[in-house]
Amino acid sequence: MSESSQTIAADRDDADVDALRARIRQAAEAVRERTPMAQSFTNFVTINLVANAQLAAGGAAAMSFLPDDVVDTASMSGADYINVGTLLPFYKDALPKIARAFRKTGHQWVLDPVAAGIGSTRTEILRAFRAAPPTIVRGNASEIIALATMWGLISPDDATRPAGVESVDEVEAAVEPAKALARFLAASAPEGEAAVAVSGEADLVTDGATVYRLPGGSPMMAKITGAGCSLGGVTAVYLAVTDPLTAALAATALYDRAGEAADKVSNGPGSFQVAFLDALWNTTPDQIAASEILTV
């Protein structure tokens, strides 16, 4: 590529990111102004942090494990969140039923495929979601790779076995699986838009075409239970007011800035969690939109 072509491409990328920043700011302002509700069917180990994070980010929370309750409440919820951690036997029927109901009505939702690839029940649930897919998938690198493999979007030779809820893969290894997932989700979405977010040392978000990296956060986020789970819930809050890519970027940027702020004033995991919730509340739309966003 010539020097002039490189300059034009760089200018185009800068303009695209500037437009994204404007959308992120608008989304953050909308969350604060509207207090959108995002319902969650999430694991009971982290349910308290998920709800508190949604409230601290500016949204409203509703939690349920009953399929009819979830489906009925979805009519009042801007978006929903499903997390497959800490499974109970009845989830095998309940979660696919909920996903099918969401697909029938075009309701938007976020999936966290916690520990994807472990256990036949979890695998059966996640495979069932292929026929009624979410709007956004948020997970760690190993979970994203495992889900893309289950859905036949990448070769099984490219997959690794996750270590419980922790990732054994670097974010870089999930770039192509994340893009493949995002394209599949978009092809299934009523509006043709979707996103995949991958958490790691430098977070990754993609709509299937462009890959964005968001550095930041705190190592302490790995020392509290439910940081990733609650990010999924907050992503659903943002999805209630904006498009999938903007929602994934805004929620991820908010978490990175809040993590950094909490890290400066905490003395360990306990004080970090309290400080983190306060930082979610205190981080402004301008601070979220000013986050570093790198394009690939």
C-alpha atoms as a PDB file:
ATOM      1  CA  MET A   1       0.000   0.000   0.000  1.00  0.00           C
ATOM      2  CA  SER A   2       1.353   3.450  -0.912  1.00  0.00           C
ATOM      3  CA  GLU A   3       1.976   6.098   1.747  1.00  0.00           C
ATOM      4  CA  SER A   4      -0.999   8.160   0.515  1.00  0.00           C
ATOM      5  CA  SER A   5      -3.272   5.105   0.624  1.00  0.00           C
ATOM      6  CA  GLN A   6      -2.115   4.338   4.158  1.00  0.00           C
ATOM      7  CA  THR A   7      -2.912   7.921   5.189  1.00  0.00           C
ATOM      8  CA  ILE A   8      -6.407   7.712   3.690  1.00  0.00           C
ATOM      9  CA  ALA A   9      -7.024   4.395   5.435  1.00  0.00           C
ATOM     10  CA  ALA A  10      -5.808   5.821   8.766  1.00  0.00           C
ATOM     11  CA  ASP A  11      -8.033   8.889   8.360  1.00  0.00           C
ATOM     12  CA  ARG A  12     -11.005   6.627   7.606  1.00  0.00           C
ATOM     13  CA  ASP A  13     -10.283   4.536  10.700  1.00  0.00           C
ATOM     14  CA  ASP A  14     -10.044   7.671  12.846  1.00  0.00           C
ATOM     15  CA  ALA A  15     -13.367   8.916  11.484  1.00  0.00           C
ATOM     16  CA  ASP A  16     -15.003   5.539  12.176  1.00  0.00           C
ATOM     17  CA  VAL A  17     -13.723   5.511  15.747  1.00  0.00           C
ATOM     18  CA  ASP A  18     -14.872   9.105  16.281  1.00  0.00           C
ATOM     19  CA  ALA A  19     -18.350   8.100  15.128  1.00  0.00           C
ATOM     20  CA  LEU A  20     -18.242   5.132  17.496  1.00  0.00           C
ATOM     21  CA  ARG A  21     -17.236   7.397  20.366  1.00  0.00           C
ATOM     22  CA  ALA A  22     -20.251   9.607  19.687  1.00  0.00           C
ATOM     23  CA  ARG A  23     -22.546   6.572  19.732  1.00  0.00           C
ATOM     24  CA  ILE A  24     -20.942   5.274  22.932  1.00  0.00           C
ATOM     25  CA  ARG A  25     -21.454   8.637  24.639  1.00  0.00           C
ATOM     26  CA  GLN A  26     -25.073   8.770  23.483  1.00  0.00           C
ATOM     27  CA  ALA A  27     -25.678   5.233  24.748  1.00  0.00           C
ATOM     28  CA  ALA A  28     -24.138   5.992  28.153  1.00  0.00           C
ATOM     29  CA  GLU A  29     -26.257   9.131  28.442  1.00  0.00           C
ATOM     30  CA  ALA A  30     -29.375   7.210  27.424  1.00  0.00           C
ATOM     31  CA  VAL A  31     -28.761   4.570  30.100  1.00  0.00           C
ATOM     32  CA  ARG A  32     -28.485   7.265  32.766  1.00  0.00           C
ATOM     33  CA  GLU A  33     -31.549   9.123  31.527  1.00  0.00           C
ATOM     34  CA  ARG A  34     -33.877   6.162  30.865  1.00  0.00           C
ATOM     35  CA  THR A  35     -32.786   3.542  33.460  1.00  0.00           C
ATOM     36  CA  PRO A  36     -33.532   0.674  31.047  1.00  0.00           C
ATOM     37  CA  MET A  37     -34.389  -2.714  32.493  1.00  0.00           C
ATOM     38  CA  ALA A  38     -32.375  -5.738  31.401  1.00  0.00           C
ATOM     39  CA  GLN A  39     -33.685  -9.049  32.722  1.00  0.00           C
ATOM     40  CA  SER A  40     -31.243 -11.820  33.638  1.00  0.00           C
ATOM     41  CA  PHE A  41     -31.358 -15.593  33.841  1.00  0.00           C
ATOM     42  CA  THR A  42     -27.931 -15.872  35.399  1.00  0.00           C
ATOM     43  CA  ASN A  43     -26.069 -18.238  37.669  1.00  0.00           C
ATOM     44  CA  PHE A  44     -26.917 -18.027  41.354  1.00  0.00           C
ATOM     45  CA  VAL A  45     -23.293 -17.715  42.473  1.00  0.00           C
ATOM     46  CA  THR A  46     -22.973 -14.256  40.898  1.00  0.00           C
ATOM     47  CA  ILE A  47     -26.583 -13.067  40.672  1.00  0.00           C
ATOM     48  CA  ASN A  48     -26.159 -10.420  43.369  1.00  0.00           C
ATOM     49  CA  LEU A  49     -23.180  -8.772  41.674  1.00  0.00           C
ATOM     50  CA  VAL A  50     -24.903  -8.919  38.280  1.00  0.00           C
ATOM     51  CA  ALA A  51     -27.948  -7.061  39.631  1.00  0.00           C
ATOM     52  CA  ASN A  52     -25.884  -4.528  41.569  1.00  0.00           C
ATOM     53  CA  ALA A  53     -23.655  -3.848  38.569  1.00  0.00           C
ATOM     54  CA  GLN A  54     -26.679  -3.264  36.345  1.00  0.00           C
ATOM     55  CA  LEU A  55     -28.034  -0.769  38.881  1.00  0.00           C
ATOM     56  CA  ALA A  56     -24.663   0.929  39.348  1.00  0.00           C
ATOM     57  CA  ALA A  57     -24.245   1.294  35.581  1.00  0.00           C
ATOM     58  CA  GLY A  58     -27.544   3.169  35.455  1.00  0.00           C
ATOM     59  CA  GLY A  59     -29.968   0.417  34.482  1.00  0.00           C
ATOM     60  CA  ALA A  60     -32.615  -1.628  36.248  1.00  0.00           C
ATOM     61  CA  ALA A  61     -32.453  -5.339  37.036  1.00  0.00           C
ATOM     62  CA  ALA A  62     -34.913  -8.236  37.063  1.00  0.00           C
ATOM     63  CA  MET A  63     -33.857 -11.805  37.809  1.00  0.00           C
ATOM     64  CA  SER A  64     -35.785 -15.026  37.207  1.00  0.00           C
ATOM     65  CA  PHE A  65     -35.303 -18.747  36.581  1.00  0.00           C
ATOM     66  CA  LEU A  66     -38.861 -19.547  35.425  1.00  0.00           C
ATOM     67  CA  PRO A  67     -39.293 -19.736  31.626  1.00  0.00           C
ATOM     68  CA  ASP A  68     -42.852 -18.324  31.571  1.00  0.00           C
ATOM     69  CA  ASP A  69     -41.818 -15.547  33.950  1.00  0.00           C
ATOM     70  CA  VAL A  70     -38.785 -14.668  31.827  1.00  0.00           C
ATOM     71  CA  VAL A  71     -40.769 -14.668  28.578  1.00  0.00           C
ATOM     72  CA  ASP A  72     -43.561 -12.516  30.029  1.00  0.00           C
ATOM     73  CA  THR A  73     -41.138 -10.056  31.628  1.00  0.00           C
ATOM     74  CA  ALA A  74     -39.225  -9.750  28.356  1.00  0.00           C
ATOM     75  CA  SER A  75     -42.107  -7.649  27.030  1.00  0.00           C
ATOM     76  CA  MET A  76     -41.082  -5.001  29.585  1.00  0.00           C
ATOM     77  CA  SER A  77     -37.336  -5.535  29.284  1.00  0.00           C
ATOM     78  CA  GLY A  78     -35.215  -3.713  26.740  1.00  0.00           C
ATOM     79  CA  ALA A  79     -32.929  -6.739  26.435  1.00  0.00           C
ATOM     80  CA  ASP A  80     -32.229  -9.960  28.325  1.00  0.00           C
ATOM     81  CA  TYR A  81     -29.146 -11.757  29.586  1.00  0.00           C
ATOM     82  CA  ILE A  82     -28.605 -15.514  29.807  1.00  0.00           C
ATOM     83  CA  ASN A  83     -25.636 -17.020  31.645  1.00  0.00           C
ATOM     84  CA  VAL A  84     -25.032 -20.791  31.622  1.00  0.00           C
ATOM     85  CA  GLY A  85     -22.857 -21.024  34.717  1.00  0.00           C
ATOM     86  CA  THR A  86     -23.853 -23.164  37.734  1.00  0.00           C
ATOM     87  CA  LEU A  87     -26.451 -25.228  35.871  1.00  0.00           C
ATOM     88  CA  LEU A  88     -29.428 -27.030  37.368  1.00  0.00           C
ATOM     89  CA  PRO A  89     -31.069 -30.010  35.614  1.00  0.00           C
ATOM     90  CA  PHE A  90     -34.184 -28.142  34.482  1.00  0.00           C
ATOM     91  CA  TYR A  91     -32.088 -25.556  32.609  1.00  0.00           C
ATOM     92  CA  LYS A  92     -31.658 -28.066  29.761  1.00  0.00           C
ATOM     93  CA  ASP A  93     -35.286 -27.538  28.758  1.00  0.00           C
ATOM     94  CA  ALA A  94     -35.857 -24.051  30.169  1.00  0.00           C
ATOM     95  CA  LEU A  95     -33.082 -22.144  28.419  1.00  0.00           C
ATOM     96  CA  PRO A  96     -33.713 -23.361  24.845  1.00  0.00           C
ATOM     97  CA  LYS A  97     -37.427 -22.683  25.417  1.00  0.00           C
ATOM     98  CA  ILE A  98     -36.660 -19.106  26.427  1.00  0.00           C
ATOM     99  CA  ALA A  99     -34.315 -18.626  23.458  1.00  0.00           C
ATOM    100  CA  ARG A 100     -36.981 -19.864  21.037  1.00  0.00           C
ATOM    101  CA  ALA A 101     -39.500 -17.442  22.528  1.00  0.00           C
ATOM    102  CA  PHE A 102     -37.034 -14.569  22.120  1.00  0.00           C
ATOM    103  CA  ARG A 103     -36.442 -15.526  18.498  1.00  0.00           C
ATOM    104  CA  LYS A 104     -40.168 -15.631  17.792  1.00  0.00           C
ATOM    105  CA  THR A 105     -40.640 -12.073  19.065  1.00  0.00           C
ATOM    106  CA  GLY A 106     -37.303 -10.697  17.862  1.00  0.00           C
ATOM    107  CA  HIS A 107     -36.284  -9.893  21.428  1.00  0.00           C
ATOM    108  CA  GLN A 108     -32.600  -8.994  21.833  1.00  0.00           C
ATOM    109  CA  TRP A 109     -30.432 -10.850  24.325  1.00  0.00           C
ATOM    110  CA  VAL A 110     -26.876 -11.402  25.492  1.00  0.00           C
ATOM    111  CA  LEU A 111     -25.318 -14.828  26.048  1.00  0.00           C
ATOM    112  CA  ASP A 112     -22.420 -15.626  28.355  1.00  0.00           C
ATOM    113  CA  PRO A 113     -21.370 -19.210  27.456  1.00  0.00           C
ATOM    114  CA  VAL A 114     -19.672 -19.832  30.802  1.00  0.00           C
ATOM    115  CA  ALA A 115     -17.405 -22.910  30.764  1.00  0.00           C
ATOM    116  CA  ALA A 116     -18.436 -23.770  27.195  1.00  0.00           C
ATOM    117  CA  GLY A 117     -17.151 -27.214  26.272  1.00  0.00           C
ATOM    118  CA  ILE A 118     -17.511 -28.739  29.723  1.00  0.00           C
ATOM    119  CA  GLY A 119     -20.302 -31.248  30.430  1.00  0.00           C
ATOM    120  CA  SER A 120     -22.927 -32.789  28.179  1.00  0.00           C
ATOM    121  CA  THR A 121     -25.807 -30.737  29.640  1.00  0.00           C
ATOM    122  CA  ARG A 122     -24.094 -27.402  29.073  1.00  0.00           C
ATOM    123  CA  THR A 123     -23.056 -28.487  25.589  1.00  0.00           C
ATOM    124  CA  GLU A 124     -26.622 -29.533  24.742  1.00  0.00           C
ATOM    125  CA  ILE A 125     -27.950 -26.144  25.875  1.00  0.00           C
ATOM    126  CA  LEU A 126     -25.350 -24.164  23.952  1.00  0.00           C
ATOM    127  CA  ARG A 127     -25.853 -26.237  20.809  1.00  0.00           C
ATOM    128  CA  ALA A 128     -29.606 -25.596  21.035  1.00  0.00           C
ATOM    129  CA  PHE A 129     -28.943 -21.840  20.990  1.00  0.00           C
ATOM    130  CA  ARG A 130     -27.609 -22.140  17.440  1.00  0.00           C
ATOM    131  CA  ALA A 131     -31.177 -22.378  16.156  1.00  0.00           C
ATOM    132  CA  ALA A 132     -32.254 -19.355  18.203  1.00  0.00           C
ATOM    133  CA  PRO A 133     -29.065 -17.336  18.652  1.00  0.00           C
ATOM    134  CA  PRO A 134     -28.435 -14.276  20.822  1.00  0.00           C
ATOM    135  CA  THR A 135     -27.685 -10.742  19.662  1.00  0.00           C
ATOM    136  CA  ILE A 136     -24.392 -10.509  21.548  1.00  0.00           C
ATOM    137  CA  VAL A 137     -22.071 -13.188  22.892  1.00  0.00           C
ATOM    138  CA  ARG A 138     -19.678 -12.185  25.679  1.00  0.00           C
ATOM    139  CA  GLY A 139     -17.095 -14.555  27.089  1.00  0.00           C
ATOM    140  CA  ASN A 140     -13.428 -15.298  27.553  1.00  0.00           C
ATOM    141  CA  ALA A 141     -11.263 -16.526  24.680  1.00  0.00           C
ATOM    142  CA  SER A 142     -11.661 -20.238  25.415  1.00  0.00           C
ATOM    143  CA  GLU A 143     -15.447 -19.938  25.705  1.00  0.00           C
ATOM    144  CA  ILE A 144     -15.705 -18.092  22.394  1.00  0.00           C
ATOM    145  CA  ILE A 145     -13.531 -20.684  20.650  1.00  0.00           C
ATOM    146  CA  ALA A 146     -15.531 -23.545  22.172  1.00  0.00           C
ATOM    147  CA  LEU A 147     -18.887 -22.038  21.168  1.00  0.00           C
ATOM    148  CA  ALA A 148     -17.742 -21.352  17.601  1.00  0.00           C
ATOM    149  CA  THR A 149     -16.590 -24.977  17.418  1.00  0.00           C
ATOM    150  CA  MET A 150     -19.910 -26.335  18.750  1.00  0.00           C
ATOM    151  CA  TRP A 151     -21.801 -24.347  16.159  1.00  0.00           C
ATOM    152  CA  GLY A 152     -19.593 -25.636  13.338  1.00  0.00           C
ATOM    153  CA  LEU A 153     -18.146 -22.222  12.548  1.00  0.00           C
ATOM    154  CA  ILE A 154     -14.492 -23.216  12.961  1.00  0.00           C
ATOM    155  CA  SER A 155     -12.584 -26.470  12.698  1.00  0.00           C
ATOM    156  CA  PRO A 156     -12.438 -28.621  15.849  1.00  0.00           C
ATOM    157  CA  ASP A 157      -8.685 -28.738  15.317  1.00  0.00           C
ATOM    158  CA  ASP A 158      -8.570 -25.053  16.276  1.00  0.00           C
ATOM    159  CA  ALA A 159     -10.317 -25.602  19.622  1.00  0.00           C
ATOM    160  CA  THR A 160      -8.884 -26.078  23.101  1.00  0.00           C
ATOM    161  CA  ARG A 161     -10.484 -27.384  26.275  1.00  0.00           C
ATOM    162  CA  PRO A 162     -11.347 -24.594  28.758  1.00  0.00           C
ATOM    163  CA  ALA A 163     -10.145 -24.770  32.352  1.00  0.00           C
ATOM    164  CA  GLY A 164     -13.502 -24.456  34.097  1.00  0.00           C
ATOM    165  CA  VAL A 165     -14.637 -20.834  33.922  1.00  0.00           C
ATOM    166  CA  GLU A 166     -11.088 -19.588  33.272  1.00  0.00           C
ATOM    167  CA  SER A 167      -9.580 -19.132  29.835  1.00  0.00           C
ATOM    168  CA  VAL A 168      -6.600 -21.175  28.686  1.00  0.00           C
ATOM    169  CA  ASP A 169      -6.335 -19.146  25.476  1.00  0.00           C
ATOM    170  CA  GLU A 170      -5.087 -15.644  24.779  1.00  0.00           C
ATOM    171  CA  VAL A 171      -7.546 -13.159  23.300  1.00  0.00           C
ATOM    172  CA  GLU A 172      -5.577 -13.182  20.043  1.00  0.00           C
ATOM    173  CA  ALA A 173      -6.449 -16.856  19.527  1.00  0.00           C
ATOM    174  CA  ALA A 174     -10.156 -15.967  19.566  1.00  0.00           C
ATOM    175  CA  VAL A 175     -10.061 -13.281  16.856  1.00  0.00           C
ATOM    176  CA  GLU A 176     -11.220 -15.447  13.943  1.00  0.00           C
ATOM    177  CA  PRO A 177     -13.711 -17.499  16.017  1.00  0.00           C
ATOM    178  CA  ALA A 178     -15.187 -14.250  17.366  1.00  0.00           C
ATOM    179  CA  LYS A 179     -15.549 -12.813  13.870  1.00  0.00           C
ATOM    180  CA  ALA A 180     -17.167 -16.027  12.626  1.00  0.00           C
ATOM    181  CA  LEU A 181     -19.601 -15.991  15.545  1.00  0.00           C
ATOM    182  CA  ALA A 182     -20.480 -12.341  15.010  1.00  0.00           C
ATOM    183  CA  ARG A 183     -21.179 -12.908  11.321  1.00  0.00           C
ATOM    184  CA  PHE A 184     -23.394 -15.881  12.151  1.00  0.00           C
ATOM    185  CA  LEU A 185     -25.307 -13.894  14.772  1.00  0.00           C
ATOM    186  CA  ALA A 186     -25.776 -10.961  12.403  1.00  0.00           C
ATOM    187  CA  ALA A 187     -27.110 -13.227   9.657  1.00  0.00           C
ATOM    188  CA  SER A 188     -29.716 -14.493  12.135  1.00  0.00           C
ATOM    189  CA  ALA A 189     -30.654 -11.110  13.628  1.00  0.00           C
ATOM    190  CA  PRO A 190     -33.786  -9.252  12.468  1.00  0.00           C
ATOM    191  CA  GLU A 191     -31.786  -6.038  11.989  1.00  0.00           C
ATOM    192  CA  GLY A 192     -28.714  -7.813  10.627  1.00  0.00           C
ATOM    193  CA  GLU A 193     -26.510  -6.534  13.467  1.00  0.00           C
ATOM    194  CA  ALA A 194     -24.669  -8.430  16.189  1.00  0.00           C
ATOM    195  CA  ALA A 195     -21.454  -8.397  18.189  1.00  0.00           C
ATOM    196  CA  VAL A 196     -19.067 -10.633  20.098  1.00  0.00           C
ATOM    197  CA  ALA A 197     -17.013  -9.412  23.065  1.00  0.00           C
ATOM    198  CA  VAL A 198     -13.958 -11.298  24.339  1.00  0.00           C
ATOM    199  CA  SER A 199     -12.572 -10.433  27.755  1.00  0.00           C
ATOM    200  CA  GLY A 200      -8.853 -10.590  28.434  1.00  0.00           C
ATOM    201  CA  GLU A 201      -5.788  -8.517  29.147  1.00  0.00           C
ATOM    202  CA  ALA A 202      -6.825  -6.333  26.211  1.00  0.00           C
ATOM    203  CA  ASP A 203     -10.525  -6.832  25.507  1.00  0.00           C
ATOM    204  CA  LEU A 204     -11.758  -7.490  21.992  1.00  0.00           C
ATOM    205  CA  VAL A 205     -15.088  -6.572  20.391  1.00  0.00           C
ATOM    206  CA  THR A 206     -16.138  -7.352  16.831  1.00  0.00           C
ATOM    207  CA  ASP A 207     -19.202  -7.083  14.630  1.00  0.00           C
ATOM    208  CA  GLY A 208     -17.757  -9.697  12.284  1.00  0.00           C
ATOM    209  CA  ALA A 209     -16.164  -7.158   9.976  1.00  0.00           C
ATOM    210  CA  THR A 210     -13.992  -4.931  12.158  1.00  0.00           C
ATOM    211  CA  VAL A 211     -12.077  -5.955  15.269  1.00  0.00           C
ATOM    212  CA  TYR A 212     -11.708  -3.425  18.079  1.00  0.00           C
ATOM    213  CA  ARG A 213      -9.337  -3.762  21.012  1.00  0.00           C
ATOM    214  CA  LEU A 214      -9.893  -1.977  24.301  1.00  0.00           C
ATOM    215  CA  PRO A 215      -6.922  -2.042  26.697  1.00  0.00           C
ATOM    216  CA  GLY A 216      -7.333  -1.325  30.392  1.00  0.00           C
ATOM    217  CA  GLY A 217      -9.090  -2.710  33.423  1.00  0.00           C
ATOM    218  CA  SER A 218      -7.488  -4.234  36.506  1.00  0.00           C
ATOM    219  CA  PRO A 219      -5.937  -7.615  37.364  1.00  0.00           C
ATOM    220  CA  MET A 220      -8.119  -7.539  40.499  1.00  0.00           C
ATOM    221  CA  MET A 221     -11.177  -8.187  38.332  1.00  0.00           C
ATOM    222  CA  ALA A 222     -10.016 -11.806  38.149  1.00  0.00           C
ATOM    223  CA  LYS A 223     -10.011 -11.981  41.959  1.00  0.00           C
ATOM    224  CA  ILE A 224     -13.720 -11.345  42.515  1.00  0.00           C
ATOM    225  CA  THR A 225     -16.474 -13.788  41.596  1.00  0.00           C
ATOM    226  CA  GLY A 226     -18.688 -12.572  38.800  1.00  0.00           C
ATOM    227  CA  ALA A 227     -16.789  -9.760  37.097  1.00  0.00           C
ATOM    228  CA  GLY A 228     -17.373 -11.322  33.675  1.00  0.00           C
ATOM    229  CA  CYS A 229     -20.914 -12.403  34.538  1.00  0.00           C
ATOM    230  CA  SER A 230     -21.847  -8.888  35.616  1.00  0.00           C
ATOM    231  CA  LEU A 231     -20.315  -7.443  32.444  1.00  0.00           C
ATOM    232  CA  GLY A 232     -22.773  -9.578  30.491  1.00  0.00           C
ATOM    233  CA  GLY A 233     -25.631  -8.087  32.495  1.00  0.00           C
ATOM    234  CA  VAL A 234     -24.406  -4.540  31.940  1.00  0.00           C
ATOM    235  CA  THR A 235     -23.966  -5.259  28.229  1.00  0.00           C
ATOM    236  CA  ALA A 236     -27.676  -6.152  28.160  1.00  0.00           C
ATOM    237  CA  VAL A 237     -28.463  -2.816  29.832  1.00  0.00           C
ATOM    238  CA  TYR A 238     -26.659  -1.025  27.004  1.00  0.00           C
ATOM    239  CA  LEU A 239     -28.253  -3.248  24.370  1.00  0.00           C
ATOM    240  CA  ALA A 240     -31.618  -1.954  25.598  1.00  0.00           C
ATOM    241  CA  VAL A 241     -30.740   1.528  24.292  1.00  0.00           C
ATOM    242  CA  THR A 242     -28.385   1.064  21.334  1.00  0.00           C
ATOM    243  CA  ASP A 243     -27.107  -1.261  18.596  1.00  0.00           C
ATOM    244  CA  PRO A 244     -25.139  -4.430  19.470  1.00  0.00           C
ATOM    245  CA  LEU A 245     -21.659  -3.189  18.546  1.00  0.00           C
ATOM    246  CA  THR A 246     -22.047   0.063  20.464  1.00  0.00           C
ATOM    247  CA  ALA A 247     -23.526  -1.796  23.441  1.00  0.00           C
ATOM    248  CA  ALA A 248     -20.618  -4.235  23.605  1.00  0.00           C
ATOM    249  CA  LEU A 249     -18.034  -1.475  23.228  1.00  0.00           C
ATOM    250  CA  ALA A 250     -19.675   0.858  25.750  1.00  0.00           C
ATOM    251  CA  ALA A 251     -20.115  -1.804  28.430  1.00  0.00           C
ATOM    252  CA  THR A 252     -16.555  -3.061  27.955  1.00  0.00           C
ATOM    253  CA  ALA A 253     -15.120   0.465  28.097  1.00  0.00           C
ATOM    254  CA  LEU A 254     -17.138   1.236  31.232  1.00  0.00           C
ATOM    255  CA  TYR A 255     -15.767  -1.890  32.917  1.00  0.00           C
ATOM    256  CA  ASP A 256     -12.199  -1.058  31.959  1.00  0.00           C
ATOM    257  CA  ARG A 257     -12.448   2.485  33.334  1.00  0.00           C
ATOM    258  CA  ALA A 258     -14.256   1.372  36.496  1.00  0.00           C
ATOM    259  CA  GLY A 259     -11.704  -1.381  37.075  1.00  0.00           C
ATOM    260  CA  GLU A 260      -8.839   1.085  36.818  1.00  0.00           C
ATOM    261  CA  ALA A 261     -10.534   3.520  39.202  1.00  0.00           C
ATOM    262  CA  ALA A 262     -11.293   0.790  41.754  1.00  0.00           C
ATOM    263  CA  ASP A 263      -7.742  -0.551  41.561  1.00  0.00           C
ATOM    264  CA  LYS A 264      -6.349   2.783  42.740  1.00  0.00           C
ATOM    265  CA  VAL A 265      -8.342   2.900  45.979  1.00  0.00           C
ATOM    266  CA  SER A 266      -8.771  -0.768  46.996  1.00  0.00           C
ATOM    267  CA  ASN A 267      -6.619  -2.943  49.262  1.00  0.00           C
ATOM    268  CA  GLY A 268      -7.771  -6.395  48.161  1.00  0.00           C
ATOM    269  CA  PRO A 269     -10.673  -8.280  46.559  1.00  0.00           C
ATOM    270  CA  GLY A 270     -13.278  -7.223  49.137  1.00  0.00           C
ATOM    271  CA  SER A 271     -12.622  -3.504  48.961  1.00  0.00           C
ATOM    272  CA  PHE A 272     -12.098  -3.774  45.199  1.00  0.00           C
ATOM    273  CA  GLN A 273     -15.626  -5.083  44.623  1.00  0.00           C
ATOM    274  CA  VAL A 274     -17.152  -2.238  46.645  1.00  0.00           C
ATOM    275  CA  ALA A 275     -14.956   0.343  44.922  1.00  0.00           C
ATOM    276  CA  PHE A 276     -15.761  -1.184  41.547  1.00  0.00           C
ATOM    277  CA  LEU A 277     -19.519  -0.754  42.020  1.00  0.00           C
ATOM    278  CA  ASP A 278     -18.939   2.839  43.090  1.00  0.00           C
ATOM    279  CA  ALA A 279     -16.774   3.409  40.009  1.00  0.00           C
ATOM    280  CA  LEU A 280     -19.463   1.982  37.717  1.00  0.00           C
ATOM    281  CA  TRP A 281     -21.791   4.594  39.164  1.00  0.00           C
ATOM    282  CA  ASN A 282     -19.327   7.482  39.009  1.00  0.00           C
ATOM    283  CA  THR A 283     -17.752   6.928  35.566  1.00  0.00           C
ATOM    284  CA  THR A 284     -19.215   9.552  33.221  1.00  0.00           C
ATOM    285  CA  PRO A 285     -20.388   9.140  29.617  1.00  0.00           C
ATOM    286  CA  ASP A 286     -17.486  11.344  28.500  1.00  0.00           C
ATOM    287  CA  GLN A 287     -14.979   9.124  30.308  1.00  0.00           C
ATOM    288  CA  ILE A 288     -16.486   5.998  28.769  1.00  0.00           C
ATOM    289  CA  ALA A 289     -16.432   7.491  25.264  1.00  0.00           C
ATOM    290  CA  ALA A 290     -12.839   8.711  25.686  1.00  0.00           C
ATOM    291  CA  SER A 291     -11.577   5.156  26.242  1.00  0.00           C
ATOM    292  CA  GLU A 292      -8.778   3.952  24.010  1.00  0.00           C
ATOM    293  CA  ILE A 293     -10.232   2.013  21.071  1.00  0.00           C
ATOM    294  CA  LEU A 294      -7.805   0.349  18.664  1.00  0.00           C
ATOM    295  CA  THR A 295      -8.883  -1.013  15.288  1.00  0.00           C
ATOM    296  CA  VAL A 296      -7.312  -3.987  13.555  1.00  0.00           C
END
